[in-house]
PDB file of N, CA and C in Angstrom:
ATOM      1  N   MET A   1       0.830  -1.181   0.000  1.00  0.00           N
ATOM      2  CA  MET A   1       0.000   0.000   0.000  1.00  0.00           C
ATOM      3  C   MET A   1       0.879   1.250   0.000  1.00  0.00           C
ATOM      4  N   ILE A   2       0.389   2.263  -0.657  1.00  0.00           N
ATOM      5  CA  ILE A   2       1.093   3.541  -0.752  1.00  0.00           C
ATOM      6  C   ILE A   2       0.192   4.636  -0.178  1.00  0.00           C
ATOM      7  N   ILE A   3       0.803   5.517   0.615  1.00  0.00           N
ATOM      8  CA  ILE A   3       0.090   6.696   1.096  1.00  0.00           C
ATOM      9  C   ILE A   3       0.722   7.904   0.414  1.00  0.00           C
ATOM     10  N   TYR A   4      -0.109   8.655  -0.267  1.00  0.00           N
ATOM     11  CA  TYR A   4       0.295   9.920  -0.862  1.00  0.00           C
ATOM     12  C   TYR A   4      -0.118  10.979   0.144  1.00  0.00           C
ATOM     13  N   ASN A   5       0.846  11.648   0.749  1.00  0.00           N
ATOM     14  CA  ASN A   5       0.591  12.590   1.826  1.00  0.00           C
ATOM     15  C   ASN A   5       0.820  14.018   1.344  1.00  0.00           C
ATOM     16  N   VAL A   6      -0.187  14.866   1.528  1.00  0.00           N
ATOM     17  CA  VAL A   6      -0.059  16.276   1.176  1.00  0.00           C
ATOM     18  C   VAL A   6      -0.226  17.081   2.465  1.00  0.00           C
ATOM     19  N   THR A   7       0.849  17.757   2.868  1.00  0.00           N
ATOM     20  CA  THR A   7       0.814  18.597   4.060  1.00  0.00           C
ATOM     21  C   THR A   7       0.669  20.038   3.601  1.00  0.00           C
ATOM     22  N   SER A   8      -0.359  20.711   4.107  1.00  0.00           N
ATOM     23  CA  SER A   8      -0.666  22.070   3.651  1.00  0.00           C
ATOM     24  C   SER A   8      -0.839  23.016   4.829  1.00  0.00           C
ATOM     25  N   ASN A   9      -0.223  24.191   4.714  1.00  0.00           N
ATOM     26  CA  ASN A   9      -0.465  25.260   5.669  1.00  0.00           C
ATOM     27  C   ASN A   9      -1.478  26.202   5.038  1.00  0.00           C
ATOM     28  N   ILE A  10      -2.587  26.414   5.744  1.00  0.00           N
ATOM     29  CA  ILE A  10      -3.709  27.202   5.238  1.00  0.00           C
ATOM     30  C   ILE A  10      -3.762  28.533   5.981  1.00  0.00           C
ATOM     31  N   GLU A  11      -3.674  29.637   5.263  1.00  0.00           N
ATOM     32  CA  GLU A  11      -3.812  30.949   5.901  1.00  0.00           C
ATOM     33  C   GLU A  11      -5.212  31.088   6.504  1.00  0.00           C
ATOM     34  N   ASP A  12      -5.269  31.774   7.634  1.00  0.00           N
ATOM     35  CA  ASP A  12      -6.548  31.955   8.325  1.00  0.00           C
ATOM     36  C   ASP A  12      -7.616  32.568   7.421  1.00  0.00           C
ATOM     37  N   SER A  13      -7.215  33.461   6.530  1.00  0.00           N
ATOM     38  CA  SER A  13      -8.186  34.176   5.693  1.00  0.00           C
ATOM     39  C   SER A  13      -8.942  33.265   4.724  1.00  0.00           C
ATOM     40  N   VAL A  14      -8.399  32.090   4.418  1.00  0.00           N
ATOM     41  CA  VAL A  14      -9.077  31.173   3.492  1.00  0.00           C
ATOM     42  C   VAL A  14      -9.409  29.823   4.132  1.00  0.00           C
ATOM     43  N   HIS A  15      -9.158  29.689   5.424  1.00  0.00           N
ATOM     44  CA  HIS A  15      -9.315  28.391   6.087  1.00  0.00           C
ATOM     45  C   HIS A  15     -10.689  27.778   5.877  1.00  0.00           C
ATOM     46  N   ASP A  16     -11.750  28.513   6.192  1.00  0.00           N
ATOM     47  CA  ASP A  16     -13.094  27.951   6.099  1.00  0.00           C
ATOM     48  C   ASP A  16     -13.455  27.594   4.663  1.00  0.00           C
ATOM     49  N   ASP A  17     -13.075  28.442   3.722  1.00  0.00           N
ATOM     50  CA  ASP A  17     -13.329  28.178   2.306  1.00  0.00           C
ATOM     51  C   ASP A  17     -12.567  26.933   1.857  1.00  0.00           C
ATOM     52  N   TRP A  18     -11.298  26.811   2.279  1.00  0.00           N
ATOM     53  CA  TRP A  18     -10.489  25.644   1.920  1.00  0.00           C
ATOM     54  C   TRP A  18     -11.105  24.359   2.459  1.00  0.00           C
ATOM     55  N   MET A  19     -11.516  24.388   3.730  1.00  0.00           N
ATOM     56  CA  MET A  19     -12.080  23.184   4.344  1.00  0.00           C
ATOM     57  C   MET A  19     -13.385  22.774   3.647  1.00  0.00           C
ATOM     58  N   GLU A  20     -14.233  23.737   3.341  1.00  0.00           N
ATOM     59  CA  GLU A  20     -15.483  23.433   2.630  1.00  0.00           C
ATOM     60  C   GLU A  20     -15.182  22.877   1.231  1.00  0.00           C
ATOM     61  N   TRP A  21     -14.237  23.487   0.536  1.00  0.00           N
ATOM     62  CA  TRP A  21     -13.832  23.028  -0.793  1.00  0.00           C
ATOM     63  C   TRP A  21     -13.278  21.605  -0.733  1.00  0.00           C
ATOM     64  N   MET A  22     -12.450  21.328   0.257  1.00  0.00           N
ATOM     65  CA  MET A  22     -11.898  19.975   0.409  1.00  0.00           C
ATOM     66  C   MET A  22     -13.009  18.950   0.602  1.00  0.00           C
ATOM     67  N   MET A  23     -13.903  19.236   1.526  1.00  0.00           N
ATOM     68  CA  MET A  23     -14.960  18.273   1.889  1.00  0.00           C
ATOM     69  C   MET A  23     -15.996  18.080   0.786  1.00  0.00           C
ATOM     70  N   GLU A  24     -16.370  19.158   0.123  1.00  0.00           N
ATOM     71  CA  GLU A  24     -17.487  19.095  -0.821  1.00  0.00           C
ATOM     72  C   GLU A  24     -17.075  18.927  -2.282  1.00  0.00           C
ATOM     73  N   LYS A  25     -15.853  19.318  -2.616  1.00  0.00           N
ATOM     74  CA  LYS A  25     -15.451  19.261  -4.027  1.00  0.00           C
ATOM     75  C   LYS A  25     -14.196  18.420  -4.256  1.00  0.00           C
ATOM     76  N   HIS A  26     -13.100  18.818  -3.631  1.00  0.00           N
ATOM     77  CA  HIS A  26     -11.804  18.208  -3.948  1.00  0.00           C
ATOM     78  C   HIS A  26     -11.741  16.720  -3.590  1.00  0.00           C
ATOM     79  N   ILE A  27     -12.057  16.376  -2.377  1.00  0.00           N
ATOM     80  CA  ILE A  27     -11.968  14.966  -1.981  1.00  0.00           C
ATOM     81  C   ILE A  27     -12.948  14.099  -2.766  1.00  0.00           C
ATOM     82  N   PRO A  28     -14.200  14.519  -2.966  1.00  0.00           N
ATOM     83  CA  PRO A  28     -15.057  13.701  -3.838  1.00  0.00           C
ATOM     84  C   PRO A  28     -14.481  13.519  -5.239  1.00  0.00           C
ATOM     85  N   GLU A  29     -13.867  14.566  -5.799  1.00  0.00           N
ATOM     86  CA  GLU A  29     -13.243  14.439  -7.128  1.00  0.00           C
ATOM     87  C   GLU A  29     -12.093  13.443  -7.103  1.00  0.00           C
ATOM     88  N   ILE A  30     -11.293  13.491  -6.062  1.00  0.00           N
ATOM     89  CA  ILE A  30     -10.171  12.552  -5.944  1.00  0.00           C
ATOM     90  C   ILE A  30     -10.695  11.120  -5.836  1.00  0.00           C
ATOM     91  N   LEU A  31     -11.702  10.900  -5.008  1.00  0.00           N
ATOM     92  CA  LEU A  31     -12.266   9.552  -4.878  1.00  0.00           C
ATOM     93  C   LEU A  31     -12.867   9.077  -6.191  1.00  0.00           C
ATOM     94  N   ASP A  32     -13.444   9.986  -6.950  1.00  0.00           N
ATOM     95  CA  ASP A  32     -14.041   9.628  -8.245  1.00  0.00           C
ATOM     96  C   ASP A  32     -13.007   9.157  -9.265  1.00  0.00           C
ATOM     97  N   THR A  33     -11.721   9.453  -9.039  1.00  0.00           N
ATOM     98  CA  THR A  33     -10.693   8.975  -9.969  1.00  0.00           C
ATOM     99  C   THR A  33     -10.536   7.457  -9.882  1.00  0.00           C
ATOM    100  N   GLY A  34     -10.949   6.860  -8.766  1.00  0.00           N
ATOM    101  CA  GLY A  34     -10.807   5.420  -8.581  1.00  0.00           C
ATOM    102  C   GLY A  34      -9.387   4.989  -8.239  1.00  0.00           C
ATOM    103  N   LYS A  35      -8.495   5.923  -7.983  1.00  0.00           N
ATOM    104  CA  LYS A  35      -7.097   5.582  -7.700  1.00  0.00           C
ATOM    105  C   LYS A  35      -6.815   5.401  -6.214  1.00  0.00           C
ATOM    106  N   PHE A  36      -7.698   5.912  -5.363  1.00  0.00           N
ATOM    107  CA  PHE A  36      -7.514   5.825  -3.913  1.00  0.00           C
ATOM    108  C   PHE A  36      -8.749   5.191  -3.283  1.00  0.00           C
ATOM    109  N   TYR A  37      -8.528   4.372  -2.260  1.00  0.00           N
ATOM    110  CA  TYR A  37      -9.655   3.706  -1.606  1.00  0.00           C
ATOM    111  C   TYR A  37     -10.035   4.349  -0.278  1.00  0.00           C
ATOM    112  N   LYS A  38      -9.178   5.257   0.227  1.00  0.00           N
ATOM    113  CA  LYS A  38      -9.469   5.910   1.499  1.00  0.00           C
ATOM    114  C   LYS A  38      -8.689   7.207   1.550  1.00  0.00           C
ATOM    115  N   ILE A  39      -9.284   8.216   2.191  1.00  0.00           N
ATOM    116  CA  ILE A  39      -8.606   9.498   2.390  1.00  0.00           C
ATOM    117  C   ILE A  39      -8.849   9.935   3.829  1.00  0.00           C
ATOM    118  N   LYS A  40      -7.782  10.420   4.480  1.00  0.00           N
ATOM    119  CA  LYS A  40      -7.885  10.942   5.844  1.00  0.00           C
ATOM    120  C   LYS A  40      -7.391  12.378   5.860  1.00  0.00           C
ATOM    121  N   ILE A  41      -8.100  13.237   6.605  1.00  0.00           N
ATOM    122  CA  ILE A  41      -7.626  14.599   6.851  1.00  0.00           C
ATOM    123  C   ILE A  41      -7.241  14.666   8.321  1.00  0.00           C
ATOM    124  N   LEU A  42      -6.003  15.079   8.577  1.00  0.00           N
ATOM    125  CA  LEU A  42      -5.497  15.179   9.937  1.00  0.00           C
ATOM    126  C   LEU A  42      -5.004  16.596  10.194  1.00  0.00           C
ATOM    127  N   LYS A  43      -5.315  17.124  11.342  1.00  0.00           N
ATOM    128  CA  LYS A  43      -4.824  18.442  11.727  1.00  0.00           C
ATOM    129  C   LYS A  43      -3.470  18.258  12.413  1.00  0.00           C
ATOM    130  N   VAL A  44      -2.481  19.028  11.996  1.00  0.00           N
ATOM    131  CA  VAL A  44      -1.162  18.995  12.616  1.00  0.00           C
ATOM    132  C   VAL A  44      -1.242  19.824  13.896  1.00  0.00           C
ATOM    133  N   LEU A  45      -0.890  19.202  15.001  1.00  0.00           N
ATOM    134  CA  LEU A  45      -1.000  19.860  16.302  1.00  0.00           C
ATOM    135  C   LEU A  45       0.291  20.601  16.636  1.00  0.00           C
ATOM    136  N   ALA A  46       0.445  21.739  15.999  1.00  0.00           N
ATOM    137  CA  ALA A  46       1.624  22.581  16.230  1.00  0.00           C
ATOM    138  C   ALA A  46       1.189  24.033  16.135  1.00  0.00           C
ATOM    139  N   GLN A  47       1.877  24.895  16.827  1.00  0.00           N
ATOM    140  CA  GLN A  47       1.575  26.319  16.811  1.00  0.00           C
ATOM    141  C   GLN A  47       2.253  26.968  15.603  1.00  0.00           C
ATOM    142  N   HIS A  48       1.512  27.814  14.891  1.00  0.00           N
ATOM    143  CA  HIS A  48       2.067  28.577  13.769  1.00  0.00           C
ATOM    144  C   HIS A  48       1.658  30.029  13.932  1.00  0.00           C
ATOM    145  N   ASP A  49       2.474  30.913  13.420  1.00  0.00           N
ATOM    146  CA  ASP A  49       2.148  32.337  13.477  1.00  0.00           C
ATOM    147  C   ASP A  49       0.948  32.660  12.608  1.00  0.00           C
ATOM    148  N   ASN A  50       0.821  31.957  11.479  1.00  0.00           N
ATOM    149  CA  ASN A  50      -0.259  32.255  10.558  1.00  0.00           C
ATOM    150  C   ASN A  50      -0.818  30.961  10.000  1.00  0.00           C
ATOM    151  N   GLY A  51      -2.061  30.694  10.276  1.00  0.00           N
ATOM    152  CA  GLY A  51      -2.728  29.579   9.645  1.00  0.00           C
ATOM    153  C   GLY A  51      -2.719  28.289  10.446  1.00  0.00           C
ATOM    154  N   VAL A  52      -3.287  27.284   9.803  1.00  0.00           N
ATOM    155  CA  VAL A  52      -3.429  25.948  10.372  1.00  0.00           C
ATOM    156  C   VAL A  52      -2.830  24.975   9.361  1.00  0.00           C
ATOM    157  N   THR A  53      -2.203  23.918   9.855  1.00  0.00           N
ATOM    158  CA  THR A  53      -1.587  22.932   8.971  1.00  0.00           C
ATOM    159  C   THR A  53      -2.345  21.616   9.052  1.00  0.00           C
ATOM    160  N   TYR A  54      -2.567  21.028   7.883  1.00  0.00           N
ATOM    161  CA  TYR A  54      -3.249  19.740   7.778  1.00  0.00           C
ATOM    162  C   TYR A  54      -2.394  18.779   6.973  1.00  0.00           C
ATOM    163  N   SER A  55      -2.535  17.507   7.306  1.00  0.00           N
ATOM    164  CA  SER A  55      -1.973  16.426   6.510  1.00  0.00           C
ATOM    165  C   SER A  55      -3.156  15.680   5.918  1.00  0.00           C
ATOM    166  N   VAL A  56      -3.168  15.577   4.600  1.00  0.00           N
ATOM    167  CA  VAL A  56      -4.231  14.813   3.930  1.00  0.00           C
ATOM    168  C   VAL A  56      -3.558  13.577   3.351  1.00  0.00           C
ATOM    169  N   GLN A  57      -4.043  12.413   3.768  1.00  0.00           N
ATOM    170  CA  GLN A  57      -3.439  11.148   3.367  1.00  0.00           C
ATOM    171  C   GLN A  57      -4.368  10.406   2.422  1.00  0.00           C
ATOM    172  N   TYR A  58      -3.852  10.107   1.246  1.00  0.00           N
ATOM    173  CA  TYR A  58      -4.586   9.421   0.191  1.00  0.00           C
ATOM    174  C   TYR A  58      -4.016   8.005   0.085  1.00  0.00           C
ATOM    175  N   PHE A  59      -4.836   6.984   0.302  1.00  0.00           N
ATOM    176  CA  PHE A  59      -4.388   5.598   0.344  1.00  0.00           C
ATOM    177  C   PHE A  59      -4.659   4.913  -0.997  1.00  0.00           C
ATOM    178  N   ALA A  60      -3.570   4.408  -1.612  1.00  0.00           N
ATOM    179  CA  ALA A  60      -3.661   3.702  -2.893  1.00  0.00           C
ATOM    180  C   ALA A  60      -3.243   2.250  -2.694  1.00  0.00           C
ATOM    181  N   ASP A  61      -3.854   1.369  -3.466  1.00  0.00           N
ATOM    182  CA  ASP A  61      -3.508  -0.054  -3.400  1.00  0.00           C
ATOM    183  C   ASP A  61      -2.122  -0.351  -3.939  1.00  0.00           C
ATOM    184  N   SER A  62      -1.647   0.483  -4.871  1.00  0.00           N
ATOM    185  CA  SER A  62      -0.379   0.175  -5.527  1.00  0.00           C
ATOM    186  C   SER A  62       0.302   1.446  -6.023  1.00  0.00           C
ATOM    187  N   ARG A  63       1.563   1.308  -6.284  1.00  0.00           N
ATOM    188  CA  ARG A  63       2.356   2.397  -6.872  1.00  0.00           C
ATOM    189  C   ARG A  63       1.816   2.748  -8.263  1.00  0.00           C
ATOM    190  N   GLU A  64       1.354   1.726  -8.985  1.00  0.00           N
ATOM    191  CA  GLU A  64       0.805   1.942 -10.327  1.00  0.00           C
ATOM    192  C   GLU A  64      -0.410   2.869 -10.282  1.00  0.00           C
ATOM    193  N   LYS A  65      -1.283   2.672  -9.310  1.00  0.00           N
ATOM    194  CA  LYS A  65      -2.459   3.548  -9.207  1.00  0.00           C
ATOM    195  C   LYS A  65      -2.052   4.977  -8.885  1.00  0.00           C
ATOM    196  N   LEU A  66      -1.042   5.126  -8.043  1.00  0.00           N
ATOM    197  CA  LEU A  66      -0.560   6.472  -7.728  1.00  0.00           C
ATOM    198  C   LEU A  66       0.027   7.126  -8.973  1.00  0.00           C
ATOM    199  N   GLU A  67       0.801   6.393  -9.744  1.00  0.00           N
ATOM    200  CA  GLU A  67       1.373   6.923 -10.982  1.00  0.00           C
ATOM    201  C   GLU A  67       0.272   7.299 -11.981  1.00  0.00           C
ATOM    202  N   GLN A  68      -0.765   6.482 -12.058  1.00  0.00           N
ATOM    203  CA  GLN A  68      -1.896   6.806 -12.933  1.00  0.00           C
ATOM    204  C   GLN A  68      -2.566   8.103 -12.479  1.00  0.00           C
ATOM    205  N   TYR A  69      -2.697   8.271 -11.172  1.00  0.00           N
ATOM    206  CA  TYR A  69      -3.258   9.520 -10.641  1.00  0.00           C
ATOM    207  C   TYR A  69      -2.382  10.700 -11.059  1.00  0.00           C
ATOM    208  N   TYR A  70      -1.069  10.578 -10.862  1.00  0.00           N
ATOM    209  CA  TYR A  70      -0.151  11.662 -11.247  1.00  0.00           C
ATOM    210  C   TYR A  70      -0.303  12.011 -12.726  1.00  0.00           C
ATOM    211  N   ASN A  71      -0.357  11.008 -13.575  1.00  0.00           N
ATOM    212  CA  ASN A  71      -0.394  11.230 -15.020  1.00  0.00           C
ATOM    213  C   ASN A  71      -1.740  11.721 -15.530  1.00  0.00           C
ATOM    214  N   ASP A  72      -2.823  11.183 -14.990  1.00  0.00           N
ATOM    215  CA  ASP A  72      -4.153  11.435 -15.551  1.00  0.00           C
ATOM    216  C   ASP A  72      -4.969  12.506 -14.832  1.00  0.00           C
ATOM    217  N   HIS A  73      -4.658  12.790 -13.562  1.00  0.00           N
ATOM    218  CA  HIS A  73      -5.547  13.647 -12.775  1.00  0.00           C
ATOM    219  C   HIS A  73      -4.853  14.785 -12.017  1.00  0.00           C
ATOM    220  N   ALA A  74      -3.637  14.553 -11.540  1.00  0.00           N
ATOM    221  CA  ALA A  74      -2.983  15.515 -10.648  1.00  0.00           C
ATOM    222  C   ALA A  74      -2.819  16.910 -11.251  1.00  0.00           C
ATOM    223  N   PRO A  75      -2.392  17.049 -12.502  1.00  0.00           N
ATOM    224  CA  PRO A  75      -2.195  18.415 -13.019  1.00  0.00           C
ATOM    225  C   PRO A  75      -3.457  19.283 -12.947  1.00  0.00           C
ATOM    226  N   LYS A  76      -4.597  18.738 -13.331  1.00  0.00           N
ATOM    227  CA  LYS A  76      -5.836  19.514 -13.288  1.00  0.00           C
ATOM    228  C   LYS A  76      -6.245  19.838 -11.857  1.00  0.00           C
ATOM    229  N   LEU A  77      -6.198  18.830 -10.981  1.00  0.00           N
ATOM    230  CA  LEU A  77      -6.647  19.034  -9.607  1.00  0.00           C
ATOM    231  C   LEU A  77      -5.726  19.989  -8.851  1.00  0.00           C
ATOM    232  N   ARG A  78      -4.439  19.898  -9.076  1.00  0.00           N
ATOM    233  CA  ARG A  78      -3.505  20.846  -8.452  1.00  0.00           C
ATOM    234  C   ARG A  78      -3.721  22.247  -9.006  1.00  0.00           C
ATOM    235  N   GLY A  79      -3.981  22.329 -10.306  1.00  0.00           N
ATOM    236  CA  GLY A  79      -4.255  23.621 -10.921  1.00  0.00           C
ATOM    237  C   GLY A  79      -5.501  24.279 -10.362  1.00  0.00           C
ATOM    238  N   ASP A  80      -6.536  23.474 -10.127  1.00  0.00           N
ATOM    239  CA  ASP A  80      -7.771  24.003  -9.524  1.00  0.00           C
ATOM    240  C   ASP A  80      -7.487  24.622  -8.161  1.00  0.00           C
ATOM    241  N   ALA A  81      -6.694  23.931  -7.349  1.00  0.00           N
ATOM    242  CA  ALA A  81      -6.363  24.432  -6.006  1.00  0.00           C
ATOM    243  C   ALA A  81      -5.549  25.711  -6.096  1.00  0.00           C
ATOM    244  N   MET A  82      -4.583  25.744  -6.995  1.00  0.00           N
ATOM    245  CA  MET A  82      -3.730  26.929  -7.134  1.00  0.00           C
ATOM    246  C   MET A  82      -4.537  28.128  -7.619  1.00  0.00           C
ATOM    247  N   GLU A  83      -5.440  27.885  -8.560  1.00  0.00           N
ATOM    248  CA  GLU A  83      -6.277  28.971  -9.077  1.00  0.00           C
ATOM    249  C   GLU A  83      -7.182  29.536  -7.984  1.00  0.00           C
ATOM    250  N   ARG A  84      -7.708  28.670  -7.159  1.00  0.00           N
ATOM    251  CA  ARG A  84      -8.650  29.106  -6.124  1.00  0.00           C
ATOM    252  C   ARG A  84      -7.957  29.770  -4.941  1.00  0.00           C
ATOM    253  N   PHE A  85      -6.804  29.217  -4.491  1.00  0.00           N
ATOM    254  CA  PHE A  85      -6.191  29.680  -3.246  1.00  0.00           C
ATOM    255  C   PHE A  85      -4.829  30.338  -3.423  1.00  0.00           C
ATOM    256  N   GLY A  86      -4.169  30.117  -4.533  1.00  0.00           N
ATOM    257  CA  GLY A  86      -2.865  30.723  -4.780  1.00  0.00           C
ATOM    258  C   GLY A  86      -1.867  30.437  -3.666  1.00  0.00           C
ATOM    259  N   GLU A  87      -1.161  31.465  -3.246  1.00  0.00           N
ATOM    260  CA  GLU A  87      -0.113  31.338  -2.225  1.00  0.00           C
ATOM    261  C   GLU A  87      -0.658  31.288  -0.804  1.00  0.00           C
ATOM    262  N   LYS A  88      -1.966  31.339  -0.661  1.00  0.00           N
ATOM    263  CA  LYS A  88      -2.560  31.277   0.678  1.00  0.00           C
ATOM    264  C   LYS A  88      -2.594  29.857   1.236  1.00  0.00           C
ATOM    265  N   VAL A  89      -2.317  28.893   0.368  1.00  0.00           N
ATOM    266  CA  VAL A  89      -2.183  27.491   0.773  1.00  0.00           C
ATOM    267  C   VAL A  89      -0.834  27.011   0.267  1.00  0.00           C
ATOM    268  N   LEU A  90       0.048  26.679   1.187  1.00  0.00           N
ATOM    269  CA  LEU A  90       1.375  26.191   0.828  1.00  0.00           C
ATOM    270  C   LEU A  90       1.436  24.702   1.132  1.00  0.00           C
ATOM    271  N   ALA A  91       1.751  23.899   0.130  1.00  0.00           N
ATOM    272  CA  ALA A  91       1.703  22.444   0.283  1.00  0.00           C
ATOM    273  C   ALA A  91       3.022  21.799  -0.107  1.00  0.00           C
ATOM    274  N   PHE A  92       3.321  20.692   0.568  1.00  0.00           N
ATOM    275  CA  PHE A  92       4.400  19.823   0.102  1.00  0.00           C
ATOM    276  C   PHE A  92       3.912  18.390   0.170  1.00  0.00           C
ATOM    277  N   ARG A  93       4.453  17.580  -0.715  1.00  0.00           N
ATOM    278  CA  ARG A  93       3.955  16.222  -0.924  1.00  0.00           C
ATOM    279  C   ARG A  93       5.028  15.191  -0.635  1.00  0.00           C
ATOM    280  N   THR A  94       4.608  14.080  -0.035  1.00  0.00           N
ATOM    281  CA  THR A  94       5.500  12.959   0.207  1.00  0.00           C
ATOM    282  C   THR A  94       4.755  11.669  -0.112  1.00  0.00           C
ATOM    283  N   GLU A  95       5.525  10.648  -0.408  1.00  0.00           N
ATOM    284  CA  GLU A  95       4.967   9.321  -0.646  1.00  0.00           C
ATOM    285  C   GLU A  95       5.482   8.396   0.446  1.00  0.00           C
ATOM    286  N   LEU A  96       4.583   7.597   0.987  1.00  0.00           N
ATOM    287  CA  LEU A  96       4.931   6.669   2.054  1.00  0.00           C
ATOM    288  C   LEU A  96       4.491   5.269   1.654  1.00  0.00           C
ATOM    289  N   GLU A  97       5.323   4.298   1.951  1.00  0.00           N
ATOM    290  CA  GLU A  97       4.956   2.912   1.687  1.00  0.00           C
ATOM    291  C   GLU A  97       4.738   2.214   3.019  1.00  0.00           C
ATOM    292  N   ILE A  98       3.596   1.575   3.176  1.00  0.00           N
ATOM    293  CA  ILE A  98       3.315   0.825   4.398  1.00  0.00           C
ATOM    294  C   ILE A  98       4.078  -0.497   4.323  1.00  0.00           C
ATOM    295  N   ILE A  99       4.963  -0.697   5.259  1.00  0.00           N
ATOM    296  CA  ILE A  99       5.747  -1.924   5.328  1.00  0.00           C
ATOM    297  C   ILE A  99       5.013  -2.967   6.164  1.00  0.00           C
ATOM    298  N   LYS A 100       4.559  -2.561   7.330  1.00  0.00           N
ATOM    299  CA  LYS A 100       3.837  -3.462   8.230  1.00  0.00           C
ATOM    300  C   LYS A 100       2.973  -2.614   9.136  1.00  0.00           C
ATOM    301  N   GLU A 101       1.802  -3.105   9.423  1.00  0.00           N
ATOM    302  CA  GLU A 101       0.883  -2.410  10.315  1.00  0.00           C
ATOM    303  C   GLU A 101       0.675  -3.264  11.556  1.00  0.00           C
ATOM    304  N   PHE A 102       0.780  -2.649  12.725  1.00  0.00           N
ATOM    305  CA  PHE A 102       0.597  -3.361  13.986  1.00  0.00           C
ATOM    306  C   PHE A 102      -0.642  -2.838  14.679  1.00  0.00           C
ATOM    307  N   LYS A 103      -1.378  -3.727  15.314  1.00  0.00           N
ATOM    308  CA  LYS A 103      -2.578  -3.344  16.058  1.00  0.00           C
ATOM    309  C   LYS A 103      -2.548  -4.016  17.415  1.00  0.00           C
ATOM    310  N   ALA A 104      -3.051  -3.311  18.400  1.00  0.00           N
ATOM    311  CA  ALA A 104      -3.162  -3.881  19.743  1.00  0.00           C
ATOM    312  C   ALA A 104      -4.270  -4.936  19.743  1.00  0.00           C
ATOM    313  N   ILE A 105      -4.055  -5.953  20.513  1.00  0.00           N
ATOM    314  CA  ILE A 105      -5.050  -7.031  20.584  1.00  0.00           C
ATOM    315  C   ILE A 105      -6.076  -6.715  21.631  1.00  0.00           C
TER     316      ILE A 105
END
């Protein structure tokens, strides 16, 4: 399994608009691509001078599905976000591979 992680710092002035856009438009569009089976939004618990930081984790079954997302969908979806929020949302992306998952019994 692969987790595509996007960490974004959201300026206070667009926070509510960004969160509504994520919940009602962006995440449904991402799920509609069929490349991810689960998405989590996590708030980063750290103090910042300006804004709030979130980690959005997109879970893919395989590296191939993530590559298909990059090739077929990412440019448009990233462009939509940039057009709407510009520099008020600063994001960086990482890829994580799940090696083993442990659970308490």
